[in-house]
Amino acid sequence: ACLMWPRGFLLRLLLRVTAGATARHACARVHPLLVKSGHASDTRLATALADAYAKSGLVTHARRVFDETPRRDLVLWNVMISCYSSHGLLLDSWALFASMRRRPGLSGDGFTFSALLSARAPPSSRGHLLGLLAHGLVLRLGLQLDLVVATALLDMYAKCGRVADARWVFDAMLLRNSVSWNAIIVCYGRHDGGKEALQIFVSMLRNDDGCCCRPDELTLASLLSSCANMAAAYEATQLHAYALKRGLQGFLQVANALIMAYGKNGFLQQATQTFATIHSPDIVSWSSMVSSFAYLGCAKSAIHVFERMLQQGVRPDGIAFLGVLSACSHAGLIQHGLKYFLLMTTDYQIDPCPQHLACLVDLLGRAGRVQDAYNILLNISCQTNTDVIGAFLAACKTRGNIELAKWAADRLLGLEPNEPANYLLISNAYAAAGAWSELAKIHGKREQ
């Protein structure tokens, strides 16, 4: 009888054990037991079941349990809000939150707001506005000192690209943990604030009490990426030493970031040595090596690494092809470049982006095949940008092709009519070709 009609504590134990990604079938067996045993209206049991469904990805099942529970406490509301939030259902989580707020005595707590702010949804203006609303409610309820809530606020602003707001939240925090330190560092790193990220990293180390405030592998990878973008060689070597000291170099994302940091700073030997330490390089590892060689003008080495990657059975992505195309372009290896462009578009069915097209146009232009580049621009489905047209205009200037230069000038001004650099580029092309009448026209347009 006990097994047929489990008591409440037995069901709670069973739900606790079965909650998780593999709990779908277990939840399906437990749910009928709740109903048959007369415990379906038990709020604590309903909360446990809804939580188990949520962690199993069964959002509609969790909502059904929620709707069928007559007495809902704050914990159950939080579980359902968190369920929607963790599955990227931002509007559903806020709609449920608004419904909860209409109930007497249910204004939400720290868990509520951390769940709302941590929604796994793409950054958007709507998400930012909802985040501002949550921030206002947090201040009204006096929850801004809650470490979890403050960290969620910081992360929300960071994901929305509001770096100054994220920094304001960070500076207002009386207590900080590794999550909050790491969040602000990654925030700066993702938004071209490498210098600030490194400064905060130093402050983090100074505030480290030995265990609770240490950068993790994602933070270190972000810092190393900043070093690559800023050409900060000394800082990259210091971060490498820190990674070795803390045992973080074994993380793939750290090793990949090290390769790019060393490569962008001209330390190809160190980049190659780091690559050699990776037991199972992924596409990012290979692409980083190809890009590093291409960036420093080592075209043959870039091609060699790319071919090794293909031999290893690693499927190249658009970034890997961009690296090898860039190498071919800078070295004037037209046959190799055309081969890889065709390989990308035909064999691997990768649609070229404007950066790929700019490399191809530059490659053809260096080889004097301006007409071929023009034909490609006319027939390709990829949307062009100023980089592509600028590369084509530069090729027209080099070869003195004034007619195609006129076409490129019209396209360039059509894309960015108010950009002074475009007028300078066009003027230089006309001057080099001796097209003084066209030069006078472009000066007239610029003055207008």
Protein backbone atom coordinates (compact mmCIF):
# COMPACT_ATOMS: atom_id res chain seq x y z
CA ALA A 1 0.00 0.00 0.00
CA CYS A 2 2.90 2.33 0.79
CA LEU A 3 4.35 1.69 -2.67
CA MET A 4 0.95 2.06 -4.34
CA TRP A 5 0.10 5.28 -2.52
CA PRO A 6 3.38 6.99 -1.56
CA ARG A 7 3.29 9.50 1.22
CA GLY A 8 4.29 13.11 0.70
CA PHE A 9 7.82 12.76 2.01
CA LEU A 10 8.45 9.74 -0.24
CA LEU A 11 7.27 11.65 -3.28
CA ARG A 12 9.42 14.64 -2.39
CA LEU A 13 12.42 12.37 -2.06
CA LEU A 14 11.65 10.70 -5.38
CA LEU A 15 11.26 14.03 -7.16
CA ARG A 16 14.50 15.30 -5.69
CA VAL A 17 16.35 12.25 -6.93
CA THR A 18 14.83 12.28 -10.41
CA ALA A 19 15.00 16.02 -11.10
CA GLY A 20 17.31 16.84 -13.97
CA ALA A 21 17.86 16.36 -17.68
CA THR A 22 17.19 12.59 -17.54
CA ALA A 23 14.00 12.88 -15.51
CA ARG A 24 11.37 13.02 -18.25
CA HIS A 25 10.15 9.45 -17.90
CA ALA A 26 10.48 9.55 -14.12
CA CYS A 27 8.33 12.69 -13.95
CA ALA A 28 5.73 11.02 -16.13
CA ARG A 29 5.55 8.13 -13.65
CA VAL A 30 5.55 10.29 -10.53
CA HIS A 31 2.89 12.74 -11.67
CA PRO A 32 0.04 10.17 -11.75
CA LEU A 33 1.08 8.97 -8.29
CA LEU A 34 0.54 12.47 -6.98
CA VAL A 35 -2.99 12.50 -8.33
CA LYS A 36 -3.89 8.98 -7.19
CA SER A 37 -2.48 9.51 -3.71
CA GLY A 38 -4.49 12.69 -3.19
CA HIS A 39 -1.40 14.91 -2.99
CA ALA A 40 -2.02 16.85 -6.21
CA SER A 41 -3.07 19.93 -4.25
CA ASP A 42 0.02 19.82 -2.00
CA THR A 43 1.90 23.03 -2.87
CA ARG A 44 5.31 21.68 -1.87
CA LEU A 45 4.86 18.55 -3.96
CA ALA A 46 3.54 20.54 -6.92
CA THR A 47 6.56 22.84 -6.66
CA ALA A 48 8.94 19.89 -6.67
CA LEU A 49 7.19 18.35 -9.67
CA ALA A 50 7.09 21.63 -11.61
CA ASP A 51 10.79 22.13 -10.90
CA ALA A 52 11.56 18.61 -12.12
CA TYR A 53 9.62 19.22 -15.33
CA ALA A 54 11.38 22.56 -15.82
CA LYS A 55 14.84 21.04 -15.43
CA SER A 56 13.85 18.33 -17.90
CA GLY A 57 12.88 20.93 -20.51
CA LEU A 58 9.16 20.14 -20.30
CA VAL A 59 7.90 23.70 -20.02
CA THR A 60 4.26 22.99 -20.89
CA HIS A 61 4.12 20.16 -18.34
CA ALA A 62 5.53 22.47 -15.67
CA ARG A 63 2.92 25.09 -16.51
CA ARG A 64 0.15 22.49 -16.32
CA VAL A 65 1.23 21.55 -12.79
CA PHE A 66 1.38 25.26 -11.92
CA ASP A 67 -2.12 25.93 -13.26
CA GLU A 68 -3.60 22.90 -11.49
CA THR A 69 -2.21 23.91 -8.08
CA PRO A 70 -4.91 25.82 -6.16
CA ARG A 71 -2.64 27.42 -3.54
CA ARG A 72 0.51 28.89 -5.05
CA ASP A 73 3.19 30.30 -2.81
CA LEU A 74 6.14 32.49 -3.84
CA VAL A 75 8.40 29.47 -4.30
CA LEU A 76 6.09 27.94 -6.90
CA TRP A 77 5.75 31.26 -8.72
CA ASN A 78 9.55 31.58 -8.74
CA VAL A 79 9.98 28.07 -10.11
CA MET A 80 7.65 28.80 -13.01
CA ILE A 81 9.18 32.21 -13.73
CA SER A 82 12.64 30.64 -13.67
CA CYS A 83 11.41 27.88 -15.99
CA TYR A 84 10.33 30.40 -18.62
CA SER A 85 13.46 32.48 -18.16
CA SER A 86 15.90 29.58 -18.43
CA HIS A 87 14.29 28.50 -21.70
CA GLY A 88 14.55 31.95 -23.28
CA LEU A 89 10.84 32.75 -22.95
CA LEU A 90 11.37 36.33 -21.81
CA LEU A 91 7.86 37.67 -22.40
CA ASP A 92 6.23 34.64 -20.78
CA SER A 93 8.35 35.05 -17.66
CA TRP A 94 7.42 38.72 -17.41
CA ALA A 95 3.73 38.04 -18.04
CA LEU A 96 3.74 35.52 -15.21
CA PHE A 97 5.63 37.96 -13.00
CA ALA A 98 3.00 40.64 -13.68
CA SER A 99 0.27 38.14 -12.80
CA MET A 100 2.06 37.28 -9.55
CA ARG A 101 2.40 40.95 -8.60
CA ARG A 102 -1.38 41.30 -8.73
CA ARG A 103 -1.71 38.76 -5.91
CA PRO A 104 -1.74 40.21 -2.40
CA GLY A 105 1.56 39.86 -0.57
CA LEU A 106 3.50 38.59 -3.59
CA SER A 107 5.94 41.29 -4.69
CA GLY A 108 8.86 39.00 -5.47
CA ASP A 109 12.19 38.34 -3.80
CA GLY A 110 15.83 38.10 -4.83
CA PHE A 111 15.29 34.77 -6.57
CA THR A 112 12.42 36.23 -8.60
CA PHE A 113 14.46 39.11 -9.96
CA SER A 114 17.60 37.10 -10.56
CA ALA A 115 15.49 34.70 -12.66
CA LEU A 116 13.89 37.55 -14.63
CA LEU A 117 17.24 39.22 -15.29
CA SER A 118 19.00 36.00 -16.27
CA ALA A 119 16.69 35.09 -19.15
CA ARG A 120 18.47 33.14 -21.86
CA ALA A 121 17.19 35.36 -24.64
CA PRO A 122 19.08 37.26 -27.36
CA PRO A 123 19.95 40.85 -26.41
CA SER A 124 17.29 43.29 -27.60
CA SER A 125 15.92 46.76 -26.91
CA ARG A 126 12.86 45.13 -25.36
CA GLY A 127 15.07 43.06 -23.06
CA HIS A 128 16.90 46.20 -22.02
CA LEU A 129 13.65 48.04 -21.24
CA LEU A 130 12.41 45.11 -19.16
CA GLY A 131 15.76 45.05 -17.41
CA LEU A 132 15.39 48.73 -16.55
CA LEU A 133 11.93 48.00 -15.16
CA ALA A 134 13.36 45.19 -13.05
CA HIS A 135 16.13 47.47 -11.81
CA GLY A 136 13.58 50.04 -10.68
CA LEU A 137 11.59 47.41 -8.79
CA VAL A 138 14.78 46.07 -7.22
CA LEU A 139 15.60 49.54 -5.89
CA ARG A 140 12.04 50.03 -4.65
CA LEU A 141 12.10 46.72 -2.77
CA GLY A 142 15.60 47.33 -1.39
CA LEU A 143 17.09 44.25 -3.07
CA GLN A 144 20.03 46.04 -4.69
CA LEU A 145 22.39 44.81 -1.97
CA ASP A 146 21.53 41.19 -2.70
CA LEU A 147 24.70 39.81 -4.30
CA VAL A 148 22.85 37.45 -6.65
CA VAL A 149 20.43 40.16 -7.80
CA ALA A 150 23.19 42.74 -8.30
CA THR A 151 25.24 40.26 -10.31
CA ALA A 152 22.20 39.44 -12.46
CA LEU A 153 21.68 43.17 -13.07
CA LEU A 154 25.31 43.57 -14.04
CA ASP A 155 25.10 40.63 -16.44
CA MET A 156 21.87 41.95 -17.97
CA TYR A 157 23.41 45.34 -18.74
CA ALA A 158 26.54 43.64 -20.09
CA LYS A 159 24.52 41.47 -22.50
CA CYS A 160 22.64 44.55 -23.71
CA GLY A 161 25.91 46.35 -24.39
CA ARG A 162 25.31 48.95 -21.65
CA VAL A 163 28.86 48.95 -20.35
CA ALA A 164 28.55 52.16 -18.31
CA ASP A 165 25.41 50.87 -16.56
CA ALA A 166 27.08 47.53 -15.86
CA ARG A 167 30.06 49.36 -14.33
CA TRP A 168 27.72 51.50 -12.21
CA VAL A 169 26.09 48.38 -10.77
CA PHE A 170 29.50 46.81 -10.18
CA ASP A 171 30.86 49.88 -8.37
CA ALA A 172 27.74 50.03 -6.16
CA MET A 173 28.17 46.43 -4.95
CA LEU A 174 29.32 46.20 -1.34
CA LEU A 175 30.18 42.53 -1.75
CA ARG A 176 31.52 40.84 -4.86
CA ASN A 177 32.19 37.25 -5.77
CA SER A 178 33.96 35.57 -8.67
CA VAL A 179 30.81 35.73 -10.80
CA SER A 180 30.48 39.50 -10.48
CA TRP A 181 34.20 40.15 -11.07
CA ASN A 182 34.25 37.85 -14.07
CA ALA A 183 31.04 39.35 -15.48
CA ILE A 184 32.38 42.91 -15.58
CA ILE A 185 35.72 41.78 -17.04
CA VAL A 186 34.01 39.84 -19.82
CA CYS A 187 31.65 42.80 -20.38
CA TYR A 188 34.55 45.14 -21.07
CA GLY A 189 36.33 42.53 -23.17
CA ARG A 190 33.32 42.04 -25.45
CA HIS A 191 32.85 45.76 -26.02
CA ASP A 192 36.38 46.89 -26.90
CA GLY A 193 37.26 47.81 -23.34
CA GLY A 194 40.36 45.65 -23.06
CA LYS A 195 42.33 48.23 -21.10
CA GLU A 196 39.59 48.55 -18.48
CA ALA A 197 39.19 44.76 -18.36
CA LEU A 198 42.89 44.34 -17.55
CA GLN A 199 42.69 47.03 -14.86
CA ILE A 200 39.75 45.29 -13.20
CA PHE A 201 41.60 41.98 -13.45
CA VAL A 202 44.49 43.48 -11.47
CA SER A 203 42.04 44.81 -8.87
CA MET A 204 40.43 41.38 -8.68
CA LEU A 205 43.77 39.76 -7.90
CA ARG A 206 44.47 42.34 -5.20
CA ASN A 207 41.09 41.62 -3.59
CA ASP A 208 41.57 37.84 -3.77
CA ASP A 209 41.42 36.34 -0.28
CA GLY A 210 42.88 33.12 -1.57
CA CYS A 211 39.81 31.25 -2.76
CA CYS A 212 36.61 33.14 -3.52
CA CYS A 213 37.56 35.76 -6.13
CA ARG A 214 39.57 34.19 -8.89
CA PRO A 215 39.12 34.49 -12.64
CA ASP A 216 37.79 31.43 -14.41
CA GLU A 217 38.71 30.10 -17.84
CA LEU A 218 36.10 32.23 -19.63
CA THR A 219 37.44 35.40 -18.04
CA LEU A 220 41.02 34.54 -18.91
CA ALA A 221 40.03 33.79 -22.50
CA SER A 222 38.27 37.16 -22.69
CA LEU A 223 41.33 38.96 -21.33
CA LEU A 224 43.61 37.21 -23.81
CA SER A 225 41.28 38.18 -26.65
CA SER A 226 41.58 41.78 -25.49
CA CYS A 227 45.37 41.43 -25.57
CA ALA A 228 45.12 40.20 -29.16
CA ASN A 229 42.95 43.16 -30.18
CA MET A 230 45.15 45.71 -28.39
CA ALA A 231 48.50 44.16 -29.42
CA ALA A 232 49.36 43.93 -25.72
CA ALA A 233 52.22 41.42 -25.85
CA TYR A 234 53.51 41.90 -22.30
CA GLU A 235 50.07 41.46 -20.76
CA ALA A 236 49.50 38.33 -22.85
CA THR A 237 52.68 36.72 -21.52
CA GLN A 238 51.70 37.64 -17.96
CA LEU A 239 48.27 36.09 -18.42
CA HIS A 240 49.91 32.98 -19.85
CA ALA A 241 52.05 32.70 -16.73
CA TYR A 242 48.93 33.11 -14.58
CA ALA A 243 47.14 30.41 -16.58
CA LEU A 244 50.03 28.01 -16.01
CA LYS A 245 50.11 28.84 -12.31
CA ARG A 246 46.38 28.24 -11.87
CA GLY A 247 46.19 25.25 -14.18
CA LEU A 248 43.89 27.02 -16.64
CA GLN A 249 45.86 26.50 -19.85
CA GLY A 250 44.33 23.05 -20.20
CA PHE A 251 40.96 24.65 -20.98
CA LEU A 252 40.48 24.73 -24.73
CA GLN A 253 39.08 28.27 -24.84
CA VAL A 254 42.14 29.57 -22.94
CA ALA A 255 44.57 27.81 -25.28
CA ASN A 256 42.72 29.11 -28.33
CA ALA A 257 42.77 32.66 -26.99
CA LEU A 258 46.50 32.30 -26.25
CA ILE A 259 47.14 31.34 -29.86
CA MET A 260 45.38 34.46 -31.12
CA ALA A 261 47.04 36.70 -28.54
CA TYR A 262 50.50 35.47 -29.44
CA GLY A 263 49.74 35.44 -33.16
CA LYS A 264 48.41 39.00 -33.26
CA ASN A 265 51.48 40.15 -31.32
CA GLY A 266 53.93 38.49 -33.68
CA PHE A 267 54.99 35.61 -31.42
CA LEU A 268 54.40 32.78 -33.87
CA GLN A 269 56.72 30.37 -32.08
CA GLN A 270 54.75 30.70 -28.84
CA ALA A 271 51.47 30.42 -30.75
CA THR A 272 52.68 27.24 -32.43
CA GLN A 273 53.90 25.81 -29.13
CA THR A 274 50.54 26.52 -27.51
CA PHE A 275 48.74 24.86 -30.40
CA ALA A 276 50.95 21.78 -29.97
CA THR A 277 49.83 21.42 -26.35
CA ILE A 278 46.16 21.01 -27.35
CA HIS A 279 45.23 17.35 -27.29
CA SER A 280 42.19 17.69 -29.56
CA PRO A 281 42.22 20.99 -31.47
CA ASP A 282 38.80 22.22 -32.55
CA ILE A 283 37.92 24.45 -35.48
CA VAL A 284 38.69 27.54 -33.38
CA SER A 285 42.20 26.23 -32.67
CA TRP A 286 42.93 25.60 -36.34
CA SER A 287 41.34 28.88 -37.45
CA SER A 288 43.40 30.79 -34.90
CA MET A 289 46.62 29.32 -36.27
CA VAL A 290 45.63 30.02 -39.88
CA SER A 291 44.63 33.60 -39.00
CA SER A 292 47.84 34.18 -37.04
CA PHE A 293 50.04 33.17 -39.96
CA ALA A 294 47.89 35.16 -42.39
CA TYR A 295 47.97 38.26 -40.16
CA LEU A 296 51.78 38.24 -40.18
CA GLY A 297 52.06 37.62 -43.91
CA CYS A 298 53.18 33.98 -43.67
CA ALA A 299 50.96 32.77 -46.50
CA LYS A 300 52.64 29.41 -47.10
CA SER A 301 52.45 28.53 -43.40
CA ALA A 302 48.78 29.55 -43.29
CA ILE A 303 48.02 27.32 -46.28
CA HIS A 304 50.02 24.46 -44.75
CA VAL A 305 48.03 24.63 -41.50
CA PHE A 306 44.76 24.87 -43.42
CA GLU A 307 45.63 21.77 -45.45
CA ARG A 308 46.62 19.91 -42.26
CA MET A 309 43.24 20.78 -40.81
CA LEU A 310 41.48 19.31 -43.84
CA GLN A 311 43.62 16.16 -43.61
CA GLN A 312 42.62 15.77 -39.95
CA GLY A 313 38.98 15.69 -41.02
CA VAL A 314 38.08 18.99 -39.35
CA ARG A 315 35.34 20.78 -41.26
CA PRO A 316 36.42 24.40 -41.91
CA ASP A 317 34.07 27.26 -41.16
CA GLY A 318 33.81 30.74 -42.60
CA ILE A 319 36.48 32.10 -40.26
CA ALA A 320 39.02 29.47 -41.31
CA PHE A 321 38.36 30.23 -44.98
CA LEU A 322 38.66 33.95 -44.29
CA GLY A 323 42.11 33.36 -42.81
CA VAL A 324 43.41 31.35 -45.75
CA LEU A 325 41.83 33.71 -48.31
CA SER A 326 43.44 36.67 -46.58
CA ALA A 327 46.81 34.92 -46.70
CA CYS A 328 46.41 34.22 -50.42
CA SER A 329 45.31 37.79 -51.08
CA HIS A 330 48.28 39.42 -49.34
CA ALA A 331 50.74 37.07 -51.04
CA GLY A 332 49.13 37.35 -54.47
CA LEU A 333 48.52 33.58 -54.68
CA ILE A 334 45.63 33.86 -57.08
CA GLN A 335 45.25 30.19 -58.00
CA HIS A 336 45.26 29.10 -54.36
CA GLY A 337 42.80 31.84 -53.47
CA LEU A 338 40.37 30.92 -56.22
CA LYS A 339 40.65 27.25 -55.27
CA TYR A 340 39.77 27.93 -51.64
CA PHE A 341 36.92 30.28 -52.55
CA LEU A 342 35.38 27.60 -54.78
CA LEU A 343 36.02 24.98 -52.10
CA MET A 344 34.15 27.12 -49.58
CA THR A 345 31.15 27.90 -51.77
CA THR A 346 30.76 24.56 -53.59
CA ASP A 347 32.16 21.70 -51.51
CA TYR A 348 31.29 23.12 -48.08
CA GLN A 349 28.26 25.19 -49.14
CA ILE A 350 29.33 28.19 -47.07
CA ASP A 351 27.79 31.45 -48.25
CA PRO A 352 30.51 34.10 -48.59
CA CYS A 353 30.26 37.13 -46.34
CA PRO A 354 31.51 40.60 -47.37
CA GLN A 355 34.92 39.88 -45.79
CA HIS A 356 35.38 36.82 -48.01
CA LEU A 357 34.34 38.83 -51.03
CA ALA A 358 36.73 41.66 -50.16
CA CYS A 359 39.61 39.16 -50.05
CA LEU A 360 38.62 37.74 -53.43
CA VAL A 361 38.29 41.19 -55.02
CA ASP A 362 41.64 42.26 -53.60
CA LEU A 363 43.22 39.03 -54.86
CA LEU A 364 41.91 39.52 -58.39
CA GLY A 365 42.82 43.19 -58.33
CA ARG A 366 46.43 42.45 -57.39
CA ALA A 367 46.58 40.03 -60.33
CA GLY A 368 45.24 42.69 -62.71
CA ARG A 369 41.94 40.88 -63.24
CA VAL A 370 39.74 43.88 -62.47
CA GLN A 371 37.11 42.88 -65.02
CA ASP A 372 36.76 39.45 -63.41
CA ALA A 373 36.30 41.10 -60.02
CA TYR A 374 33.64 43.37 -61.54
CA ASN A 375 31.77 40.41 -63.02
CA ILE A 376 31.78 38.66 -59.64
CA LEU A 377 30.39 41.77 -57.92
CA LEU A 378 27.61 41.95 -60.48
CA ASN A 379 26.55 38.31 -60.17
CA ILE A 380 27.22 37.26 -56.59
CA SER A 381 24.27 37.06 -54.19
CA CYS A 382 26.33 38.17 -51.19
CA GLN A 383 25.52 41.68 -50.03
CA THR A 384 28.50 43.98 -50.55
CA ASN A 385 29.68 46.65 -48.14
CA THR A 386 32.17 49.51 -48.21
CA ASP A 387 35.10 47.17 -47.59
CA VAL A 388 34.29 45.18 -50.73
CA ILE A 389 33.69 48.22 -52.95
CA GLY A 390 36.70 49.97 -51.42
CA ALA A 391 38.91 47.01 -52.32
CA PHE A 392 37.53 47.07 -55.86
CA LEU A 393 38.08 50.83 -56.18
CA ALA A 394 41.67 50.40 -55.00
CA ALA A 395 42.18 47.77 -57.71
CA CYS A 396 40.73 50.16 -60.31
CA LYS A 397 43.13 52.86 -59.14
CA THR A 398 46.13 50.55 -59.40
CA ARG A 399 45.17 49.45 -62.92
CA GLY A 400 43.98 52.87 -64.09
CA ASN A 401 40.51 51.64 -65.03
CA ILE A 402 38.52 54.86 -64.84
CA GLU A 403 35.21 53.45 -66.12
CA LEU A 404 35.00 50.77 -63.46
CA ALA A 405 36.27 53.30 -60.91
CA LYS A 406 33.22 55.45 -61.71
CA TRP A 407 30.94 52.48 -61.10
CA ALA A 408 32.68 51.75 -57.80
CA ALA A 409 32.46 55.41 -56.77
CA ASP A 410 28.70 55.46 -57.34
CA ARG A 411 28.27 52.27 -55.31
CA LEU A 412 30.47 53.55 -52.52
CA LEU A 413 28.61 56.84 -52.18
CA GLY A 414 25.33 54.96 -52.37
CA LEU A 415 26.34 52.93 -49.33
CA GLU A 416 27.84 55.78 -47.28
CA PRO A 417 27.13 59.18 -48.85
CA ASN A 418 28.30 61.16 -45.81
CA GLU A 419 31.57 59.37 -45.08
CA PRO A 420 34.56 61.71 -45.75
CA ALA A 421 36.96 58.78 -46.16
CA ASN A 422 34.98 57.58 -49.18
CA TYR A 423 35.41 60.91 -50.96
CA LEU A 424 39.14 60.80 -50.26
CA LEU A 425 39.41 57.27 -51.66
CA ILE A 426 37.48 58.21 -54.80
CA SER A 427 39.49 61.42 -55.27
CA ASN A 428 42.77 59.51 -55.07
CA ALA A 429 41.54 57.01 -57.67
CA TYR A 430 40.52 59.78 -60.09
CA ALA A 431 43.74 61.72 -59.53
CA ALA A 432 45.87 58.63 -60.16
CA ALA A 433 44.04 58.06 -63.46
CA GLY A 434 44.27 61.74 -64.45
CA ALA A 435 40.48 62.03 -64.56
CA TRP A 436 40.41 65.68 -63.56
CA SER A 437 36.85 66.36 -64.66
CA GLU A 438 35.58 63.47 -62.53
CA LEU A 439 37.72 64.73 -59.67
CA ALA A 440 36.07 68.14 -59.92
CA LYS A 441 32.63 66.51 -59.86
CA ILE A 442 33.40 64.52 -56.73
CA HIS A 443 34.72 67.65 -55.01
CA GLY A 444 31.47 69.38 -55.91
CA LYS A 445 29.43 66.55 -54.41
CA ARG A 446 31.51 66.66 -51.26
CA GLU A 447 30.92 70.39 -50.81
CA GLN A 448 27.18 69.84 -51.19
